[in-house]
Amino acid sequence: AWAIGLGIAMHSASDTTKTLFNDVAAGVSSIVRFVIRLAPIGIFGLVANTIAQTGFSVLLGYSQLLMVLIGSMLLIALVMNPILVFYKIRRNP
């Protein structure tokens, strides 16, 4: 609702106001892009800290989850998608 109201108000705003909002949006986008680029380093630090404190046994649960996810993706990619393609186009994919 706020975005719609702001969009309607910006429609009749002066060019300097529009330029200001564009500059603020570009600045926020730059900050978000910087944080996204740093996120893998932070995640690595958190994982390294957890492994240093508790050992590799903590990752066993995650490895089981990873195997389930990989198995599910393979099932969808190699079984379900070809079935859907065959059903829709009536040809062997």
PDB file of N, CA and C in Angstrom:
ATOM      1  N   ALA A   1       0.827  -1.179   0.000  1.00  0.00           N
ATOM      2  CA  ALA A   1       0.000   0.000   0.000  1.00  0.00           C
ATOM      3  C   ALA A   1       0.879   1.253   0.000  1.00  0.00           C
ATOM      4  N   TRP A   2       1.954   1.216   0.806  1.00  0.00           N
ATOM      5  CA  TRP A   2       2.856   2.361   0.837  1.00  0.00           C
ATOM      6  C   TRP A   2       3.532   2.568  -0.505  1.00  0.00           C
ATOM      7  N   ALA A   3       3.902   1.486  -1.153  1.00  0.00           N
ATOM      8  CA  ALA A   3       4.584   1.598  -2.441  1.00  0.00           C
ATOM      9  C   ALA A   3       3.662   2.198  -3.492  1.00  0.00           C
ATOM     10  N   ILE A   4       2.397   1.807  -3.458  1.00  0.00           N
ATOM     11  CA  ILE A   4       1.438   2.359  -4.422  1.00  0.00           C
ATOM     12  C   ILE A   4       1.248   3.850  -4.177  1.00  0.00           C
ATOM     13  N   GLY A   5       1.075   4.219  -2.909  1.00  0.00           N
ATOM     14  CA  GLY A   5       0.920   5.634  -2.577  1.00  0.00           C
ATOM     15  C   GLY A   5       2.146   6.444  -2.941  1.00  0.00           C
ATOM     16  N   LEU A   6       3.319   5.901  -2.667  1.00  0.00           N
ATOM     17  CA  LEU A   6       4.558   6.594  -3.010  1.00  0.00           C
ATOM     18  C   LEU A   6       4.713   6.712  -4.526  1.00  0.00           C
ATOM     19  N   GLY A   7       4.327   5.670  -5.247  1.00  0.00           N
ATOM     20  CA  GLY A   7       4.400   5.719  -6.705  1.00  0.00           C
ATOM     21  C   GLY A   7       3.480   6.770  -7.289  1.00  0.00           C
ATOM     22  N   ILE A   8       2.279   6.877  -6.740  1.00  0.00           N
ATOM     23  CA  ILE A   8       1.335   7.897  -7.219  1.00  0.00           C
ATOM     24  C   ILE A   8       1.866   9.290  -6.895  1.00  0.00           C
ATOM     25  N   ALA A   9       2.425   9.456  -5.699  1.00  0.00           N
ATOM     26  CA  ALA A   9       2.976  10.756  -5.322  1.00  0.00           C
ATOM     27  C   ALA A   9       4.193  11.103  -6.171  1.00  0.00           C
ATOM     28  N   MET A  10       5.011  10.120  -6.487  1.00  0.00           N
ATOM     29  CA  MET A  10       6.208  10.368  -7.291  1.00  0.00           C
ATOM     30  C   MET A  10       5.868  10.706  -8.735  1.00  0.00           C
ATOM     31  N   HIS A  11       4.707  10.296  -9.185  1.00  0.00           N
ATOM     32  CA  HIS A  11       4.303  10.586 -10.563  1.00  0.00           C
ATOM     33  C   HIS A  11       4.227  12.094 -10.802  1.00  0.00           C
ATOM     34  N   SER A  12       3.768  12.808  -9.788  1.00  0.00           N
ATOM     35  CA  SER A  12       3.637  14.258  -9.951  1.00  0.00           C
ATOM     36  C   SER A  12       4.765  15.028  -9.269  1.00  0.00           C
ATOM     37  N   ALA A  13       5.799  14.354  -8.815  1.00  0.00           N
ATOM     38  CA  ALA A  13       6.913  15.022  -8.134  1.00  0.00           C
ATOM     39  C   ALA A  13       7.821  15.716  -9.146  1.00  0.00           C
ATOM     40  N   SER A  14       8.614  16.638  -8.628  1.00  0.00           N
ATOM     41  CA  SER A  14       9.540  17.360  -9.510  1.00  0.00           C
ATOM     42  C   SER A  14      10.706  16.453  -9.901  1.00  0.00           C
ATOM     43  N   ASP A  15      11.442  16.892 -10.903  1.00  0.00           N
ATOM     44  CA  ASP A  15      12.574  16.094 -11.387  1.00  0.00           C
ATOM     45  C   ASP A  15      13.667  15.953 -10.331  1.00  0.00           C
ATOM     46  N   THR A  16      13.874  16.989  -9.527  1.00  0.00           N
ATOM     47  CA  THR A  16      14.907  16.890  -8.489  1.00  0.00           C
ATOM     48  C   THR A  16      14.523  15.855  -7.434  1.00  0.00           C
ATOM     49  N   THR A  17      13.248  15.769  -7.102  1.00  0.00           N
ATOM     50  CA  THR A  17      12.796  14.764  -6.138  1.00  0.00           C
ATOM     51  C   THR A  17      12.963  13.367  -6.712  1.00  0.00           C
ATOM     52  N   LYS A  18      12.625  13.205  -7.979  1.00  0.00           N
ATOM     53  CA  LYS A  18      12.804  11.898  -8.621  1.00  0.00           C
ATOM     54  C   LYS A  18      14.280  11.513  -8.661  1.00  0.00           C
ATOM     55  N   THR A  19      15.140  12.493  -8.954  1.00  0.00           N
ATOM     56  CA  THR A  19      16.578  12.230  -8.970  1.00  0.00           C
ATOM     57  C   THR A  19      17.063  11.833  -7.580  1.00  0.00           C
ATOM     58  N   LEU A  20      16.563  12.523  -6.557  1.00  0.00           N
ATOM     59  CA  LEU A  20      16.941  12.191  -5.180  1.00  0.00           C
ATOM     60  C   LEU A  20      16.553  10.755  -4.840  1.00  0.00           C
ATOM     61  N   PHE A  21      15.329  10.364  -5.167  1.00  0.00           N
ATOM     62  CA  PHE A  21      14.882   9.002  -4.878  1.00  0.00           C
ATOM     63  C   PHE A  21      15.683   7.970  -5.668  1.00  0.00           C
ATOM     64  N   ASN A  22      16.021   8.287  -6.908  1.00  0.00           N
ATOM     65  CA  ASN A  22      16.851   7.370  -7.699  1.00  0.00           C
ATOM     66  C   ASN A  22      18.239   7.221  -7.088  1.00  0.00           C
ATOM     67  N   ASP A  23      18.804   8.330  -6.602  1.00  0.00           N
ATOM     68  CA  ASP A  23      20.126   8.264  -5.972  1.00  0.00           C
ATOM     69  C   ASP A  23      20.084   7.473  -4.668  1.00  0.00           C
ATOM     70  N   VAL A  24      19.042   7.670  -3.875  1.00  0.00           N
ATOM     71  CA  VAL A  24      18.899   6.904  -2.630  1.00  0.00           C
ATOM     72  C   VAL A  24      18.735   5.420  -2.945  1.00  0.00           C
ATOM     73  N   ALA A  25      17.935   5.103  -3.946  1.00  0.00           N
ATOM     74  CA  ALA A  25      17.747   3.699  -4.330  1.00  0.00           C
ATOM     75  C   ALA A  25      19.053   3.084  -4.808  1.00  0.00           C
ATOM     76  N   ALA A  26      19.839   3.838  -5.559  1.00  0.00           N
ATOM     77  CA  ALA A  26      21.133   3.330  -6.022  1.00  0.00           C
ATOM     78  C   ALA A  26      22.082   3.111  -4.847  1.00  0.00           C
ATOM     79  N   GLY A  27      22.057   4.003  -3.865  1.00  0.00           N
ATOM     80  CA  GLY A  27      22.898   3.841  -2.684  1.00  0.00           C
ATOM     81  C   GLY A  27      22.513   2.620  -1.867  1.00  0.00           C
ATOM     82  N   VAL A  28      21.222   2.428  -1.660  1.00  0.00           N
ATOM     83  CA  VAL A  28      20.755   1.251  -0.920  1.00  0.00           C
ATOM     84  C   VAL A  28      21.108  -0.021  -1.681  1.00  0.00           C
ATOM     85  N   SER A  29      20.963  -0.003  -2.987  1.00  0.00           N
ATOM     86  CA  SER A  29      21.322  -1.176  -3.789  1.00  0.00           C
ATOM     87  C   SER A  29      22.808  -1.487  -3.675  1.00  0.00           C
ATOM     88  N   SER A  30      23.644  -0.464  -3.646  1.00  0.00           N
ATOM     89  CA  SER A  30      25.086  -0.688  -3.492  1.00  0.00           C
ATOM     90  C   SER A  30      25.409  -1.315  -2.142  1.00  0.00           C
ATOM     91  N   ILE A  31      24.760  -0.843  -1.087  1.00  0.00           N
ATOM     92  CA  ILE A  31      24.988  -1.408   0.243  1.00  0.00           C
ATOM     93  C   ILE A  31      24.540  -2.862   0.293  1.00  0.00           C
ATOM     94  N   VAL A  32      23.369  -3.151  -0.258  1.00  0.00           N
ATOM     95  CA  VAL A  32      22.861  -4.527  -0.264  1.00  0.00           C
ATOM     96  C   VAL A  32      23.782  -5.425  -1.080  1.00  0.00           C
ATOM     97  N   ARG A  33      24.259  -4.956  -2.215  1.00  0.00           N
ATOM     98  CA  ARG A  33      25.182  -5.733  -3.045  1.00  0.00           C
ATOM     99  C   ARG A  33      26.471  -6.046  -2.282  1.00  0.00           C
ATOM    100  N   PHE A  34      26.980  -5.068  -1.528  1.00  0.00           N
ATOM    101  CA  PHE A  34      28.188  -5.264  -0.724  1.00  0.00           C
ATOM    102  C   PHE A  34      27.962  -6.314   0.362  1.00  0.00           C
ATOM    103  N   VAL A  35      26.828  -6.241   1.044  1.00  0.00           N
ATOM    104  CA  VAL A  35      26.512  -7.218   2.095  1.00  0.00           C
ATOM    105  C   VAL A  35      26.366  -8.612   1.501  1.00  0.00           C
ATOM    106  N   ILE A  36      25.742  -8.723   0.347  1.00  0.00           N
ATOM    107  CA  ILE A  36      25.582 -10.030  -0.296  1.00  0.00           C
ATOM    108  C   ILE A  36      26.941 -10.603  -0.686  1.00  0.00           C
ATOM    109  N   ARG A  37      27.852  -9.763  -1.129  1.00  0.00           N
ATOM    110  CA  ARG A  37      29.196 -10.249  -1.482  1.00  0.00           C
ATOM    111  C   ARG A  37      29.974 -10.716  -0.257  1.00  0.00           C
ATOM    112  N   LEU A  38      29.727 -10.115   0.905  1.00  0.00           N
ATOM    113  CA  LEU A  38      30.425 -10.510   2.124  1.00  0.00           C
ATOM    114  C   LEU A  38      29.777 -11.696   2.836  1.00  0.00           C
ATOM    115  N   ALA A  39      28.549 -12.037   2.494  1.00  0.00           N
ATOM    116  CA  ALA A  39      27.825 -13.095   3.198  1.00  0.00           C
ATOM    117  C   ALA A  39      28.561 -14.435   3.194  1.00  0.00           C
ATOM    118  N   PRO A  40      29.129 -14.900   2.089  1.00  0.00           N
ATOM    119  CA  PRO A  40      29.835 -16.192   2.142  1.00  0.00           C
ATOM    120  C   PRO A  40      30.997 -16.209   3.128  1.00  0.00           C
ATOM    121  N   ILE A  41      31.688 -15.084   3.274  1.00  0.00           N
ATOM    122  CA  ILE A  41      32.796 -15.025   4.229  1.00  0.00           C
ATOM    123  C   ILE A  41      32.264 -15.150   5.651  1.00  0.00           C
ATOM    124  N   GLY A  42      31.167 -14.480   5.944  1.00  0.00           N
ATOM    125  CA  GLY A  42      30.559 -14.577   7.266  1.00  0.00           C
ATOM    126  C   GLY A  42      30.048 -15.971   7.564  1.00  0.00           C
ATOM    127  N   ILE A  43      29.426 -16.604   6.578  1.00  0.00           N
ATOM    128  CA  ILE A  43      28.931 -17.967   6.770  1.00  0.00           C
ATOM    129  C   ILE A  43      30.090 -18.920   7.000  1.00  0.00           C
ATOM    130  N   PHE A  44      31.180 -18.756   6.246  1.00  0.00           N
ATOM    131  CA  PHE A  44      32.361 -19.589   6.465  1.00  0.00           C
ATOM    132  C   PHE A  44      32.886 -19.412   7.887  1.00  0.00           C
ATOM    133  N   GLY A  45      32.924 -18.191   8.369  1.00  0.00           N
ATOM    134  CA  GLY A  45      33.381 -17.940   9.729  1.00  0.00           C
ATOM    135  C   GLY A  45      32.499 -18.610  10.766  1.00  0.00           C
ATOM    136  N   LEU A  46      31.190 -18.553  10.574  1.00  0.00           N
ATOM    137  CA  LEU A  46      30.274 -19.203  11.515  1.00  0.00           C
ATOM    138  C   LEU A  46      30.441 -20.715  11.506  1.00  0.00           C
ATOM    139  N   VAL A  47      30.559 -21.296  10.317  1.00  0.00           N
ATOM    140  CA  VAL A  47      30.738 -22.749  10.219  1.00  0.00           C
ATOM    141  C   VAL A  47      32.075 -23.160  10.809  1.00  0.00           C
ATOM    142  N   ALA A  48      33.136 -22.408  10.528  1.00  0.00           N
ATOM    143  CA  ALA A  48      34.455 -22.734  11.075  1.00  0.00           C
ATOM    144  C   ALA A  48      34.449 -22.641  12.594  1.00  0.00           C
ATOM    145  N   ASN A  49      33.775 -21.651  13.134  1.00  0.00           N
ATOM    146  CA  ASN A  49      33.676 -21.511  14.583  1.00  0.00           C
ATOM    147  C   ASN A  49      32.916 -22.687  15.192  1.00  0.00           C
ATOM    148  N   THR A  50      31.822 -23.096  14.573  1.00  0.00           N
ATOM    149  CA  THR A  50      31.045 -24.226  15.076  1.00  0.00           C
ATOM    150  C   THR A  50      31.857 -25.508  15.037  1.00  0.00           C
ATOM    151  N   ILE A  51      32.575 -25.735  13.948  1.00  0.00           N
ATOM    152  CA  ILE A  51      33.404 -26.944  13.835  1.00  0.00           C
ATOM    153  C   ILE A  51      34.530 -26.909  14.865  1.00  0.00           C
ATOM    154  N   ALA A  52      35.112 -25.740  15.094  1.00  0.00           N
ATOM    155  CA  ALA A  52      36.198 -25.634  16.068  1.00  0.00           C
ATOM    156  C   ALA A  52      35.710 -25.931  17.481  1.00  0.00           C
ATOM    157  N   GLN A  53      34.472 -25.560  17.788  1.00  0.00           N
ATOM    158  CA  GLN A  53      33.954 -25.767  19.135  1.00  0.00           C
ATOM    159  C   GLN A  53      33.388 -27.162  19.347  1.00  0.00           C
ATOM    160  N   THR A  54      32.745 -27.734  18.336  1.00  0.00           N
ATOM    161  CA  THR A  54      32.028 -28.998  18.535  1.00  0.00           C
ATOM    162  C   THR A  54      32.589 -30.154  17.734  1.00  0.00           C
ATOM    163  N   GLY A  55      33.408 -29.899  16.746  1.00  0.00           N
ATOM    164  CA  GLY A  55      33.954 -30.969  15.924  1.00  0.00           C
ATOM    165  C   GLY A  55      33.099 -31.227  14.695  1.00  0.00           C
ATOM    166  N   PHE A  56      33.556 -32.195  13.901  1.00  0.00           N
ATOM    167  CA  PHE A  56      32.884 -32.492  12.633  1.00  0.00           C
ATOM    168  C   PHE A  56      31.586 -33.271  12.819  1.00  0.00           C
ATOM    169  N   SER A  57      31.310 -33.776  14.017  1.00  0.00           N
ATOM    170  CA  SER A  57      30.098 -34.571  14.229  1.00  0.00           C
ATOM    171  C   SER A  57      28.833 -33.750  14.001  1.00  0.00           C
ATOM    172  N   VAL A  58      28.929 -32.442  14.167  1.00  0.00           N
ATOM    173  CA  VAL A  58      27.772 -31.578  13.943  1.00  0.00           C
ATOM    174  C   VAL A  58      27.350 -31.622  12.481  1.00  0.00           C
ATOM    175  N   LEU A  59      28.312 -31.779  11.581  1.00  0.00           N
ATOM    176  CA  LEU A  59      28.008 -31.767  10.152  1.00  0.00           C
ATOM    177  C   LEU A  59      27.353 -33.055   9.672  1.00  0.00           C
ATOM    178  N   LEU A  60      27.326 -34.103  10.508  1.00  0.00           N
ATOM    179  CA  LEU A  60      26.717 -35.370  10.100  1.00  0.00           C
ATOM    180  C   LEU A  60      25.234 -35.198   9.788  1.00  0.00           C
ATOM    181  N   GLY A  61      24.520 -34.475  10.625  1.00  0.00           N
ATOM    182  CA  GLY A  61      23.103 -34.220  10.363  1.00  0.00           C
ATOM    183  C   GLY A  61      22.889 -33.444   9.084  1.00  0.00           C
ATOM    184  N   TYR A  62      23.758 -32.491   8.825  1.00  0.00           N
ATOM    185  CA  TYR A  62      23.651 -31.714   7.599  1.00  0.00           C
ATOM    186  C   TYR A  62      23.980 -32.548   6.367  1.00  0.00           C
ATOM    187  N   SER A  63      24.896 -33.485   6.510  1.00  0.00           N
ATOM    188  CA  SER A  63      25.222 -34.336   5.363  1.00  0.00           C
ATOM    189  C   SER A  63      24.045 -35.236   5.012  1.00  0.00           C
ATOM    190  N   GLN A  64      23.318 -35.711   6.022  1.00  0.00           N
ATOM    191  CA  GLN A  64      22.128 -36.512   5.742  1.00  0.00           C
ATOM    192  C   GLN A  64      21.070 -35.665   5.042  1.00  0.00           C
ATOM    193  N   LEU A  65      20.880 -34.454   5.495  1.00  0.00           N
ATOM    194  CA  LEU A  65      19.935 -33.550   4.846  1.00  0.00           C
ATOM    195  C   LEU A  65      20.366 -33.258   3.415  1.00  0.00           C
ATOM    196  N   LEU A  66      21.651 -33.062   3.204  1.00  0.00           N
ATOM    197  CA  LEU A  66      22.174 -32.804   1.868  1.00  0.00           C
ATOM    198  C   LEU A  66      21.915 -33.980   0.935  1.00  0.00           C
ATOM    199  N   MET A  67      22.076 -35.198   1.426  1.00  0.00           N
ATOM    200  CA  MET A  67      21.813 -36.386   0.607  1.00  0.00           C
ATOM    201  C   MET A  67      20.333 -36.477   0.233  1.00  0.00           C
ATOM    202  N   VAL A  68      19.449 -36.152   1.173  1.00  0.00           N
ATOM    203  CA  VAL A  68      18.014 -36.161   0.876  1.00  0.00           C
ATOM    204  C   VAL A  68      17.693 -35.115  -0.188  1.00  0.00           C
ATOM    205  N   LEU A  69      18.263 -33.931  -0.065  1.00  0.00           N
ATOM    206  CA  LEU A  69      18.008 -32.875  -1.048  1.00  0.00           C
ATOM    207  C   LEU A  69      18.535 -33.248  -2.428  1.00  0.00           C
ATOM    208  N   ILE A  70      19.746 -33.788  -2.486  1.00  0.00           N
ATOM    209  CA  ILE A  70      20.316 -34.194  -3.776  1.00  0.00           C
ATOM    210  C   ILE A  70      19.494 -35.315  -4.390  1.00  0.00           C
ATOM    211  N   GLY A  71      19.082 -36.289  -3.575  1.00  0.00           N
ATOM    212  CA  GLY A  71      18.243 -37.375  -4.080  1.00  0.00           C
ATOM    213  C   GLY A  71      16.918 -36.868  -4.618  1.00  0.00           C
ATOM    214  N   SER A  72      16.307 -35.919  -3.910  1.00  0.00           N
ATOM    215  CA  SER A  72      15.038 -35.353  -4.369  1.00  0.00           C
ATOM    216  C   SER A  72      15.207 -34.601  -5.681  1.00  0.00           C
ATOM    217  N   MET A  73      16.276 -33.818  -5.793  1.00  0.00           N
ATOM    218  CA  MET A  73      16.508 -33.074  -7.032  1.00  0.00           C
ATOM    219  C   MET A  73      16.782 -34.009  -8.203  1.00  0.00           C
ATOM    220  N   LEU A  74      17.531 -35.085  -7.955  1.00  0.00           N
ATOM    221  CA  LEU A  74      17.778 -36.055  -9.024  1.00  0.00           C
ATOM    222  C   LEU A  74      16.490 -36.744  -9.446  1.00  0.00           C
ATOM    223  N   LEU A  75      15.634 -37.090  -8.489  1.00  0.00           N
ATOM    224  CA  LEU A  75      14.347 -37.711  -8.810  1.00  0.00           C
ATOM    225  C   LEU A  75      13.513 -36.787  -9.693  1.00  0.00           C
ATOM    226  N   ILE A  76      13.457 -35.533  -9.331  1.00  0.00           N
ATOM    227  CA  ILE A  76      12.669 -34.584 -10.118  1.00  0.00           C
ATOM    228  C   ILE A  76      13.281 -34.391 -11.499  1.00  0.00           C
ATOM    229  N   ALA A  77      14.611 -34.226 -11.566  1.00  0.00           N
ATOM    230  CA  ALA A  77      15.266 -33.944 -12.846  1.00  0.00           C
ATOM    231  C   ALA A  77      15.261 -35.137 -13.778  1.00  0.00           C
ATOM    232  N   LEU A  78      15.433 -36.346 -13.239  1.00  0.00           N
ATOM    233  CA  LEU A  78      15.605 -37.517 -14.096  1.00  0.00           C
ATOM    234  C   LEU A  78      14.348 -38.357 -14.274  1.00  0.00           C
ATOM    235  N   VAL A  79      13.344 -38.156 -13.417  1.00  0.00           N
ATOM    236  CA  VAL A  79      12.123 -38.962 -13.519  1.00  0.00           C
ATOM    237  C   VAL A  79      10.908 -38.083 -13.795  1.00  0.00           C
ATOM    238  N   MET A  80      10.652 -37.125 -12.913  1.00  0.00           N
ATOM    239  CA  MET A  80       9.419 -36.351 -13.018  1.00  0.00           C
ATOM    240  C   MET A  80       9.413 -35.420 -14.238  1.00  0.00           C
ATOM    241  N   ASN A  81      10.496 -34.694 -14.460  1.00  0.00           N
ATOM    242  CA  ASN A  81      10.526 -33.781 -15.605  1.00  0.00           C
ATOM    243  C   ASN A  81      10.369 -34.502 -16.941  1.00  0.00           C
ATOM    244  N   PRO A  82      11.070 -35.625 -17.197  1.00  0.00           N
ATOM    245  CA  PRO A  82      10.821 -36.334 -18.455  1.00  0.00           C
ATOM    246  C   PRO A  82       9.382 -36.838 -18.593  1.00  0.00           C
ATOM    247  N   ILE A  83       8.785 -37.261 -17.488  1.00  0.00           N
ATOM    248  CA  ILE A  83       7.383 -37.702 -17.545  1.00  0.00           C
ATOM    249  C   ILE A  83       6.485 -36.535 -17.927  1.00  0.00           C
ATOM    250  N   LEU A  84       6.709 -35.376 -17.329  1.00  0.00           N
ATOM    251  CA  LEU A  84       5.899 -34.204 -17.661  1.00  0.00           C
ATOM    252  C   LEU A  84       6.106 -33.768 -19.108  1.00  0.00           C
ATOM    253  N   VAL A  85       7.342 -33.797 -19.586  1.00  0.00           N
ATOM    254  CA  VAL A  85       7.613 -33.428 -20.978  1.00  0.00           C
ATOM    255  C   VAL A  85       6.925 -34.406 -21.917  1.00  0.00           C
ATOM    256  N   PHE A  86       7.020 -35.698 -21.627  1.00  0.00           N
ATOM    257  CA  PHE A  86       6.370 -36.692 -22.470  1.00  0.00           C
ATOM    258  C   PHE A  86       4.859 -36.497 -22.464  1.00  0.00           C
ATOM    259  N   TYR A  87       4.293 -36.195 -21.310  1.00  0.00           N
ATOM    260  CA  TYR A  87       2.848 -35.991 -21.198  1.00  0.00           C
ATOM    261  C   TYR A  87       2.403 -34.769 -22.002  1.00  0.00           C
ATOM    262  N   LYS A  88       3.202 -33.695 -21.980  1.00  0.00           N
ATOM    263  CA  LYS A  88       2.793 -32.470 -22.658  1.00  0.00           C
ATOM    264  C   LYS A  88       3.023 -32.510 -24.165  1.00  0.00           C
ATOM    265  N   ILE A  89       4.155 -33.064 -24.633  1.00  0.00           N
ATOM    266  CA  ILE A  89       4.447 -33.002 -26.066  1.00  0.00           C
ATOM    267  C   ILE A  89       4.264 -34.343 -26.766  1.00  0.00           C
ATOM    268  N   ARG A  90       4.004 -35.388 -26.003  1.00  0.00           N
ATOM    269  CA  ARG A  90       3.746 -36.731 -26.543  1.00  0.00           C
ATOM    270  C   ARG A  90       4.910 -37.265 -27.372  1.00  0.00           C
ATOM    271  N   ARG A  91       6.141 -36.866 -26.980  1.00  0.00           N
ATOM    272  CA  ARG A  91       7.343 -37.396 -27.613  1.00  0.00           C
ATOM    273  C   ARG A  91       8.335 -37.759 -26.525  1.00  0.00           C
ATOM    274  N   ASN A  92       9.262 -38.644 -26.873  1.00  0.00           N
ATOM    275  CA  ASN A  92      10.285 -39.035 -25.926  1.00  0.00           C
ATOM    276  C   ASN A  92      11.261 -37.871 -25.739  1.00  0.00           C
ATOM    277  N   PRO A  93      11.441 -37.408 -24.512  1.00  0.00           N
ATOM    278  CA  PRO A  93      12.337 -36.261 -24.316  1.00  0.00           C
ATOM    279  C   PRO A  93      13.752 -36.713 -24.499  1.00  0.00           C
TER     280      PRO A  93
END
